[in-house]
Amino acid sequence: MATVCHRLEPYSSAIPVTQPRVVIVGAGHAGGTAAALLRQFGHEGPITLLGEEPLPPYQRPPLSKAWLKGEAGAEDLFLKGDGFYTQHGIDLRLSTRVEAIDRSGSAVVLEGGERLPYERLILAAGARPRRLPLPGAELEGVLELRNAADAERLKSALGPGRRLAVIGGGYIGLEVAASARALGAEVVVLEREHRLLPRVAGQDLSGFFCAYHGARGVDCRMGAAVAALERSGGAIAAVRLSNGSSIDCDLALVGVGAQPNLELAQAAGLDCADGVIVDIEARTSDPAIYAIGDVTWRPLPLYDRMFRLESVPNALEQARQAAASICGRPAPVPEVPWFWSDQYDLKLQIAGLSFDPDRIVIRGDVSSARFATFHLKDRRVLCVEAVNAPAEFMGGRLLIGRRAEVDPERLADSAVSMKEVAA
């Protein structure tokens, strides 16, 4: 039977607890949002939010942009202001590591042995950067970017004349490259595949970003497989490629993707694939345990498949799914996945996912950096990649959600408004 939640404003611990005790493992964007939504949806039971970092839940996307350039500090990134968690009866425990999940005893075991009982558990364990299994990967000056501590190390190392090698031409690597150029650093981007953004963007968009970065002094090298990181003393001095050439650098950022933190879920016997397998309510194979955010292998109803997404919108959507289920509310309507990236004066907005398109339509003027690339299959929009084109992003997102057929010729004609295309 579903738990019925009543609106509670403000939270009062004096009210008898008749609703499930919720423990949330992971105090990132997903976990922090889930805790807040539980209270917003009226959950009156105890909520404990456990985070390994010393900071309360914060936004990660600015780490590669505003934070690096000194335009934002820690408090600018926090999801909630001072006192929010105390005021809403959320037991926020920072610098706290969970060692295990005891499903038979309905408890999580913390480092040091303390046990926290739960009636509903939400796993928001996130993901971590993939490591390079290469000689020299442990050298000083070899950096990654996933959290605020990583961003601070990178920020302190960058500056005028510093030589940065970015290993991996994905969004994180390109955002850092743009920020590093703004700080006066010399940058080379090394991508193993034959174009930038090979796994996350279409070929036309990849070519555009390569040219845009090149025009701003970034040396983008494709087909550049890294063989080793070379040292001078205990610090990195160069990146050696598989063809034998070397690129001198003062520091290297490794941005070759992320892997979900599955260890807790796997040790607890939860069903996993490339992520913890969940249903449309974010519930795992154990009905008392939910999983949300980067760690999940989740249904995508619009595409009739399972997939793992790494994005803030995905974290927010699954936080809503889990909170709604725990509170006995109707499941939220499935959303169109979307993403964004800010580089230089470019705002890239992507809606949908490009699974096996049969036609590509470009709308707008690529040379003016104001255009959109639409990926179609059977005359339906699967994905739109919009550069400084908010109307195309919003219109494309609407078309994806409706699974509406479109006329490709009208879609390509900028004289026809997106509203008319979607009509």
Protein backbone atom coordinates (compact mmCIF):
# COMPACT_ATOMS: atom_id res chain seq x y z
CA MET A 1 0.00 0.00 0.00
CA ALA A 2 1.31 3.44 -0.90
CA THR A 3 2.37 5.75 1.89
CA VAL A 4 0.16 8.83 2.08
CA CYS A 5 2.03 12.04 2.84
CA HIS A 6 0.49 15.21 4.19
CA ARG A 7 1.75 18.74 3.70
CA LEU A 8 3.93 19.86 6.58
CA GLU A 9 5.06 23.48 6.76
CA PRO A 10 7.25 24.09 8.63
CA TYR A 11 8.76 20.78 9.71
CA SER A 12 8.26 19.91 13.36
CA SER A 13 9.98 16.97 15.02
CA ALA A 14 7.23 16.99 17.67
CA ILE A 15 4.75 15.44 15.21
CA PRO A 16 4.48 11.65 15.72
CA VAL A 17 6.49 9.76 13.14
CA THR A 18 4.18 7.51 11.13
CA GLN A 19 5.99 7.70 7.80
CA PRO A 20 9.05 5.78 6.68
CA ARG A 21 12.53 6.65 7.83
CA VAL A 22 14.46 7.68 4.71
CA VAL A 23 18.23 7.48 4.39
CA ILE A 24 19.87 9.05 1.32
CA VAL A 25 23.39 7.91 0.42
CA GLY A 26 25.06 10.69 -1.56
CA ALA A 27 24.68 14.43 -0.96
CA GLY A 28 25.19 15.64 -4.51
CA HIS A 29 22.63 17.32 -6.75
CA ALA A 30 20.43 14.22 -6.88
CA GLY A 31 20.54 13.36 -3.18
CA GLY A 32 20.16 16.95 -2.00
CA THR A 33 17.20 17.51 -4.30
CA ALA A 34 15.53 14.28 -3.20
CA ALA A 35 15.75 15.34 0.46
CA ALA A 36 14.23 18.76 -0.29
CA LEU A 37 11.48 17.28 -2.46
CA LEU A 38 10.47 14.79 0.21
CA ARG A 39 9.73 17.68 2.54
CA GLN A 40 8.09 19.68 -0.27
CA PHE A 41 5.83 16.72 -1.04
CA GLY A 42 4.85 16.53 2.63
CA HIS A 43 6.96 13.69 3.98
CA GLU A 44 6.98 13.94 7.77
CA GLY A 45 9.25 11.05 8.65
CA PRO A 46 12.96 11.27 9.49
CA ILE A 47 15.38 12.02 6.64
CA THR A 48 19.13 11.47 6.89
CA LEU A 49 21.36 12.74 4.06
CA LEU A 50 24.89 11.30 3.95
CA GLY A 51 27.69 12.91 1.94
CA GLU A 52 31.38 12.03 1.64
CA GLU A 53 32.45 15.59 0.85
CA PRO A 54 32.77 18.31 3.53
CA LEU A 55 30.40 20.60 1.56
CA PRO A 56 26.60 20.54 1.56
CA PRO A 57 24.88 19.69 -1.77
CA TYR A 58 26.11 21.97 -4.54
CA GLN A 59 25.98 22.44 -8.31
CA ARG A 60 28.76 20.76 -10.26
CA PRO A 61 28.40 22.21 -13.80
CA PRO A 62 29.97 25.60 -12.84
CA LEU A 63 33.15 23.84 -11.66
CA SER A 64 34.55 23.74 -15.20
CA LYS A 65 33.44 27.27 -16.01
CA ALA A 66 32.57 30.00 -13.47
CA TRP A 67 34.54 28.40 -10.62
CA LEU A 68 37.73 27.98 -12.66
CA LYS A 69 37.54 31.57 -13.90
CA GLY A 70 36.99 32.93 -10.40
CA GLU A 71 33.45 34.10 -11.16
CA ALA A 72 31.81 31.91 -8.49
CA GLY A 73 32.68 30.75 -5.00
CA ALA A 74 31.48 27.80 -2.93
CA GLU A 75 28.44 29.61 -1.53
CA ASP A 76 27.30 30.54 -5.05
CA LEU A 77 27.12 26.83 -5.85
CA PHE A 78 25.17 25.59 -2.83
CA LEU A 79 21.70 24.21 -3.65
CA LYS A 80 20.21 25.58 -0.45
CA GLY A 81 21.13 28.40 1.89
CA ASP A 82 22.39 28.27 5.45
CA GLY A 83 20.00 26.60 7.83
CA PHE A 84 17.77 24.92 5.23
CA TYR A 85 18.48 21.36 6.33
CA THR A 86 18.09 22.09 10.04
CA GLN A 87 14.91 24.10 9.45
CA HIS A 88 13.37 21.24 7.52
CA GLY A 89 14.38 18.48 9.86
CA ILE A 90 16.95 16.91 7.52
CA ASP A 91 19.87 15.30 9.30
CA LEU A 92 22.75 16.27 7.00
CA ARG A 93 25.95 14.38 7.75
CA LEU A 94 29.01 15.47 5.80
CA SER A 95 32.43 13.81 5.48
CA THR A 96 30.60 10.54 6.09
CA ARG A 97 31.38 7.36 4.19
CA VAL A 98 28.98 4.44 3.85
CA GLU A 99 30.74 1.08 3.96
CA ALA A 100 27.85 -1.28 3.25
CA ILE A 101 24.12 -1.78 2.89
CA ASP A 102 22.63 -4.46 5.13
CA ARG A 103 19.41 -5.28 3.29
CA SER A 104 18.35 -8.04 5.66
CA GLY A 105 18.73 -5.66 8.59
CA SER A 106 17.40 -2.61 6.71
CA ALA A 107 20.40 -0.49 7.67
CA VAL A 108 23.43 1.21 6.17
CA VAL A 109 26.79 0.68 7.84
CA LEU A 110 29.05 3.71 8.13
CA GLU A 111 32.82 3.77 8.22
CA GLY A 112 33.65 3.02 11.82
CA GLY A 113 30.76 0.61 12.26
CA GLU A 114 27.78 2.84 13.09
CA ARG A 115 24.50 1.48 11.74
CA LEU A 116 21.68 3.70 10.48
CA PRO A 117 18.33 1.97 10.09
CA TYR A 118 16.11 2.80 7.12
CA GLU A 119 12.68 1.95 5.84
CA ARG A 120 13.34 3.55 2.48
CA LEU A 121 16.85 3.98 1.11
CA ILE A 122 17.83 6.25 -1.79
CA LEU A 123 21.18 5.60 -3.47
CA ALA A 124 22.56 8.75 -5.05
CA ALA A 125 26.16 7.57 -5.16
CA GLY A 126 27.00 9.32 -8.44
CA ALA A 127 29.94 8.50 -10.68
CA ARG A 128 33.67 9.05 -10.69
CA PRO A 129 36.15 9.91 -13.44
CA ARG A 130 37.58 7.02 -15.39
CA ARG A 131 41.27 6.60 -14.70
CA LEU A 132 43.94 6.12 -17.33
CA PRO A 133 45.69 2.76 -16.84
CA LEU A 134 48.94 4.28 -18.06
CA PRO A 135 52.46 4.82 -16.77
CA GLY A 136 52.68 8.16 -14.99
CA ALA A 137 48.96 8.49 -14.21
CA GLU A 138 49.83 9.05 -10.54
CA LEU A 139 52.22 11.98 -11.16
CA GLU A 140 51.79 15.37 -9.56
CA GLY A 141 50.00 17.66 -12.00
CA VAL A 142 47.79 14.92 -13.45
CA LEU A 143 44.32 16.13 -12.54
CA GLU A 144 40.65 15.21 -12.93
CA LEU A 145 37.48 17.22 -12.45
CA ARG A 146 34.49 15.83 -10.62
CA ASN A 147 34.10 17.78 -7.40
CA ALA A 148 34.92 21.12 -5.79
CA ALA A 149 38.28 19.91 -4.45
CA ASP A 150 39.31 18.83 -7.96
CA ALA A 151 38.23 22.21 -9.35
CA GLU A 152 40.21 24.11 -6.72
CA ARG A 153 43.37 22.13 -7.50
CA LEU A 154 42.95 22.83 -11.20
CA LYS A 155 42.17 26.50 -10.63
CA SER A 156 45.30 27.01 -8.54
CA ALA A 157 47.44 25.36 -11.22
CA LEU A 158 46.19 27.39 -14.19
CA GLY A 159 47.37 30.83 -15.22
CA PRO A 160 49.11 32.83 -17.96
CA GLY A 161 51.67 30.79 -19.85
CA ARG A 162 50.88 27.51 -18.13
CA ARG A 163 50.74 24.55 -20.54
CA LEU A 164 47.67 22.34 -20.12
CA ALA A 165 47.15 19.03 -21.92
CA VAL A 166 43.51 17.95 -21.92
CA ILE A 167 43.22 14.20 -22.46
CA GLY A 168 39.75 13.57 -23.89
CA GLY A 169 37.71 15.79 -26.17
CA GLY A 170 34.34 15.54 -24.42
CA TYR A 171 32.28 18.33 -22.91
CA ILE A 172 34.24 18.56 -19.64
CA GLY A 173 37.54 18.69 -21.49
CA LEU A 174 36.34 21.38 -23.90
CA GLU A 175 34.78 23.49 -21.13
CA VAL A 176 38.04 23.37 -19.20
CA ALA A 177 39.97 24.22 -22.37
CA ALA A 178 37.81 27.32 -22.89
CA SER A 179 38.20 28.40 -19.25
CA ALA A 180 41.96 27.78 -19.34
CA ARG A 181 42.32 29.95 -22.44
CA ALA A 182 40.39 32.71 -20.65
CA LEU A 183 42.99 32.47 -17.87
CA GLY A 184 45.86 32.77 -20.34
CA ALA A 185 47.00 29.16 -20.41
CA GLU A 186 48.23 27.32 -23.50
CA VAL A 187 46.00 24.34 -24.25
CA VAL A 188 46.21 21.21 -26.35
CA VAL A 189 43.26 18.80 -26.51
CA LEU A 190 44.09 15.16 -27.24
CA GLU A 191 41.23 12.99 -28.49
CA ARG A 192 41.78 9.32 -29.29
CA GLU A 193 38.94 9.19 -31.82
CA HIS A 194 38.90 11.05 -35.12
CA ARG A 195 36.64 13.90 -34.01
CA LEU A 196 35.78 15.81 -30.84
CA LEU A 197 32.72 14.80 -28.83
CA PRO A 198 32.67 11.41 -30.56
CA ARG A 199 30.21 9.74 -28.19
CA VAL A 200 27.91 12.62 -27.35
CA ALA A 201 27.43 14.80 -30.43
CA GLY A 202 26.87 14.58 -34.16
CA GLN A 203 29.69 14.99 -36.66
CA ASP A 204 28.59 18.47 -37.78
CA LEU A 205 28.63 19.79 -34.21
CA SER A 206 32.00 18.14 -33.58
CA GLY A 207 33.52 19.91 -36.57
CA PHE A 208 32.07 23.24 -35.50
CA PHE A 209 33.53 23.01 -31.99
CA CYS A 210 36.93 21.92 -33.30
CA ALA A 211 37.10 24.98 -35.56
CA TYR A 212 35.80 27.31 -32.83
CA HIS A 213 38.38 26.17 -30.30
CA GLY A 214 41.13 26.26 -32.91
CA ALA A 215 40.32 29.87 -33.76
CA ARG A 216 40.82 30.73 -30.08
CA GLY A 217 44.23 29.16 -29.76
CA VAL A 218 43.41 25.61 -28.66
CA ASP A 219 45.46 22.94 -30.42
CA CYS A 220 42.96 20.13 -31.04
CA ARG A 221 44.55 16.85 -32.09
CA MET A 222 42.43 13.92 -33.19
CA GLY A 223 43.53 10.30 -33.43
CA ALA A 224 45.87 11.07 -30.53
CA ALA A 225 46.10 7.97 -28.35
CA VAL A 226 48.05 8.53 -25.14
CA ALA A 227 50.72 5.93 -24.34
CA ALA A 228 52.29 7.39 -21.18
CA LEU A 229 52.68 10.46 -19.01
CA GLU A 230 56.32 11.44 -18.66
CA ARG A 231 57.93 12.91 -15.58
CA SER A 232 60.40 15.49 -14.47
CA GLY A 233 61.14 14.63 -10.88
CA GLY A 234 57.78 13.59 -9.43
CA ALA A 235 55.66 15.83 -11.65
CA ILE A 236 54.30 15.52 -15.16
CA ALA A 237 56.44 17.06 -17.89
CA ALA A 238 54.97 15.67 -21.10
CA VAL A 239 52.32 13.43 -22.64
CA ARG A 240 53.72 10.73 -24.91
CA LEU A 241 51.45 9.53 -27.72
CA SER A 242 51.29 6.06 -29.23
CA ASN A 243 53.01 7.35 -32.40
CA GLY A 244 56.08 8.20 -30.32
CA SER A 245 55.66 11.98 -30.27
CA SER A 246 55.61 13.94 -27.01
CA ILE A 247 53.74 17.07 -25.97
CA ASP A 248 55.35 19.17 -23.25
CA CYS A 249 52.99 20.33 -20.50
CA ASP A 250 52.93 21.62 -16.94
CA LEU A 251 49.72 19.80 -16.07
CA ALA A 252 47.26 17.38 -17.63
CA LEU A 253 43.52 17.05 -17.16
CA VAL A 254 42.14 13.56 -17.72
CA GLY A 255 38.57 13.73 -19.00
CA VAL A 256 37.82 10.36 -20.57
CA GLY A 257 34.36 9.75 -19.15
CA ALA A 258 32.89 8.59 -15.87
CA GLN A 259 31.94 5.28 -14.33
CA PRO A 260 29.06 4.79 -11.89
CA ASN A 261 29.85 4.10 -8.24
CA LEU A 262 28.27 0.65 -8.13
CA GLU A 263 30.24 -0.96 -5.33
CA LEU A 264 27.63 -0.54 -2.59
CA ALA A 265 24.78 -1.71 -4.82
CA GLN A 266 26.68 -4.71 -6.18
CA ALA A 267 27.85 -5.82 -2.73
CA ALA A 268 24.24 -5.59 -1.54
CA GLY A 269 23.07 -7.82 -4.37
CA LEU A 270 21.03 -5.23 -6.28
CA ASP A 271 20.55 -5.81 -10.01
CA CYS A 272 23.08 -3.76 -11.98
CA ALA A 273 24.13 -3.22 -15.58
CA ASP A 274 26.06 -0.07 -16.55
CA GLY A 275 24.43 1.40 -13.47
CA VAL A 276 21.95 0.32 -10.82
CA ILE A 277 18.88 -0.95 -12.67
CA VAL A 278 15.76 1.02 -11.75
CA ASP A 279 12.18 1.33 -12.97
CA ILE A 280 10.21 4.43 -13.94
CA GLU A 281 9.79 5.26 -10.22
CA ALA A 282 13.57 4.99 -9.66
CA ARG A 283 13.01 1.82 -7.62
CA THR A 284 15.68 -0.89 -7.69
CA SER A 285 15.25 -4.66 -7.58
CA ASP A 286 14.71 -4.23 -3.81
CA PRO A 287 11.35 -2.43 -3.36
CA ALA A 288 12.66 -0.58 -0.27
CA ILE A 289 15.64 0.88 -2.17
CA TYR A 290 15.65 3.59 -4.82
CA ALA A 291 18.55 4.85 -6.93
CA ILE A 292 18.83 8.20 -8.70
CA GLY A 293 21.23 10.26 -10.78
CA ASP A 294 24.47 9.29 -12.53
CA VAL A 295 24.59 5.88 -10.86
CA THR A 296 21.43 4.51 -12.50
CA TRP A 297 20.60 2.38 -15.54
CA ARG A 298 17.12 3.74 -16.15
CA PRO A 299 14.17 3.43 -18.54
CA LEU A 300 13.81 6.01 -21.30
CA PRO A 301 10.15 5.64 -22.32
CA LEU A 302 10.48 7.99 -25.28
CA TYR A 303 13.15 5.74 -26.78
CA ASP A 304 11.89 2.32 -25.60
CA ARG A 305 15.21 1.38 -24.03
CA MET A 306 17.36 1.52 -20.91
CA PHE A 307 20.28 3.92 -20.65
CA ARG A 308 22.56 5.72 -18.20
CA LEU A 309 22.45 9.52 -18.24
CA GLU A 310 24.91 11.93 -16.65
CA SER A 311 23.21 15.29 -16.28
CA VAL A 312 21.62 17.61 -13.77
CA PRO A 313 18.17 17.35 -15.42
CA ASN A 314 18.34 13.57 -15.08
CA ALA A 315 19.27 13.88 -11.39
CA LEU A 316 16.33 16.22 -10.80
CA GLU A 317 13.87 14.03 -12.69
CA GLN A 318 14.81 10.88 -10.82
CA ALA A 319 14.79 12.73 -7.49
CA ARG A 320 11.17 13.67 -8.29
CA GLN A 321 10.36 10.08 -9.24
CA ALA A 322 11.73 8.65 -6.00
CA ALA A 323 10.21 11.34 -3.76
CA ALA A 324 6.82 11.00 -5.45
CA SER A 325 6.84 7.23 -5.03
CA ILE A 326 7.82 7.40 -1.36
CA CYS A 327 5.08 9.97 -0.72
CA GLY A 328 2.42 8.07 -2.64
CA ARG A 329 2.04 10.78 -5.27
CA PRO A 330 1.41 10.12 -8.97
CA ALA A 331 4.58 9.46 -10.93
CA PRO A 332 5.80 12.54 -12.82
CA VAL A 333 5.43 12.54 -16.60
CA PRO A 334 8.64 11.22 -18.25
CA GLU A 335 10.80 14.07 -19.48
CA VAL A 336 12.81 14.55 -22.66
CA PRO A 337 16.47 14.20 -21.62
CA TRP A 338 18.40 17.43 -22.01
CA PHE A 339 21.89 18.76 -21.46
CA TRP A 340 23.89 21.95 -21.86
CA SER A 341 27.46 23.20 -22.18
CA ASP A 342 28.89 26.73 -22.02
CA GLN A 343 32.12 27.39 -23.91
CA TYR A 344 33.40 30.92 -24.65
CA ASP A 345 30.34 32.85 -25.87
CA LEU A 346 28.58 29.66 -26.96
CA LYS A 347 25.59 28.16 -25.23
CA LEU A 348 25.00 24.64 -26.42
CA GLN A 349 21.65 23.10 -25.49
CA ILE A 350 20.82 19.52 -26.40
CA ALA A 351 17.44 17.82 -26.13
CA GLY A 352 16.93 14.13 -26.73
CA LEU A 353 19.34 11.39 -27.71
CA SER A 354 20.51 10.48 -31.20
CA PHE A 355 19.84 6.75 -31.48
CA ASP A 356 20.28 5.61 -35.12
CA PRO A 357 19.05 8.67 -37.05
CA ASP A 358 18.37 8.34 -40.76
CA ARG A 359 18.55 12.06 -41.57
CA ILE A 360 20.36 15.16 -40.31
CA VAL A 361 18.81 18.62 -40.78
CA ILE A 362 20.78 21.82 -40.12
CA ARG A 363 18.78 24.96 -39.42
CA GLY A 364 20.38 28.40 -39.19
CA ASP A 365 23.80 29.80 -39.98
CA VAL A 366 26.73 27.73 -38.77
CA SER A 367 29.24 30.46 -39.69
CA SER A 368 27.52 32.91 -37.33
CA ALA A 369 27.51 30.38 -34.45
CA ARG A 370 23.72 30.45 -34.31
CA PHE A 371 22.27 27.19 -35.60
CA ALA A 372 20.72 23.86 -34.67
CA THR A 373 21.31 20.31 -35.86
CA PHE A 374 18.27 18.02 -35.83
CA HIS A 375 18.62 14.22 -35.86
CA LEU A 376 15.56 12.55 -37.40
CA LYS A 377 14.32 9.01 -37.81
CA ASP A 378 11.19 8.26 -39.82
CA ARG A 379 10.53 12.04 -39.96
CA ARG A 380 10.46 12.27 -36.16
CA VAL A 381 12.98 14.32 -34.19
CA LEU A 382 15.21 12.20 -31.95
CA CYS A 383 17.60 14.91 -30.85
CA VAL A 384 18.37 18.59 -31.37
CA GLU A 385 21.76 20.23 -30.79
CA ALA A 386 21.24 23.98 -30.58
CA VAL A 387 24.09 26.51 -30.51
CA ASN A 388 22.93 29.95 -29.38
CA ALA A 389 19.49 28.95 -30.68
CA PRO A 390 17.04 28.74 -27.75
CA ALA A 391 13.91 28.68 -29.92
CA GLU A 392 15.20 25.64 -31.81
CA PHE A 393 16.10 23.94 -28.54
CA MET A 394 12.66 24.51 -27.03
CA GLY A 395 10.84 23.65 -30.25
CA GLY A 396 12.90 20.52 -30.78
CA ARG A 397 12.33 19.40 -27.22
CA LEU A 398 8.58 19.77 -27.74
CA LEU A 399 8.69 17.78 -30.98
CA ILE A 400 10.68 14.98 -29.33
CA GLY A 401 8.21 14.73 -26.47
CA ARG A 402 5.25 14.59 -28.84
CA ARG A 403 6.95 12.12 -31.19
CA ALA A 404 5.51 14.29 -33.93
CA GLU A 405 6.31 13.86 -37.60
CA VAL A 406 7.87 16.92 -39.23
CA ASP A 407 8.54 18.12 -42.75
CA PRO A 408 12.36 18.18 -43.00
CA GLU A 409 12.29 20.94 -45.60
CA ARG A 410 10.22 23.25 -43.38
CA LEU A 411 12.41 22.35 -40.42
CA ALA A 412 15.52 23.45 -42.33
CA ASP A 413 13.93 26.76 -43.40
CA SER A 414 14.69 29.44 -40.79
CA ALA A 415 11.96 31.61 -42.33
CA VAL A 416 9.43 29.10 -40.95
CA SER A 417 9.15 29.60 -37.19
CA MET A 418 9.63 26.66 -34.85
CA LYS A 419 6.04 27.20 -33.68
CA GLU A 420 4.86 26.70 -37.27
CA VAL A 421 7.08 23.62 -37.68
CA ALA A 422 5.63 22.11 -34.51
CA ALA A 423 2.02 22.95 -35.44
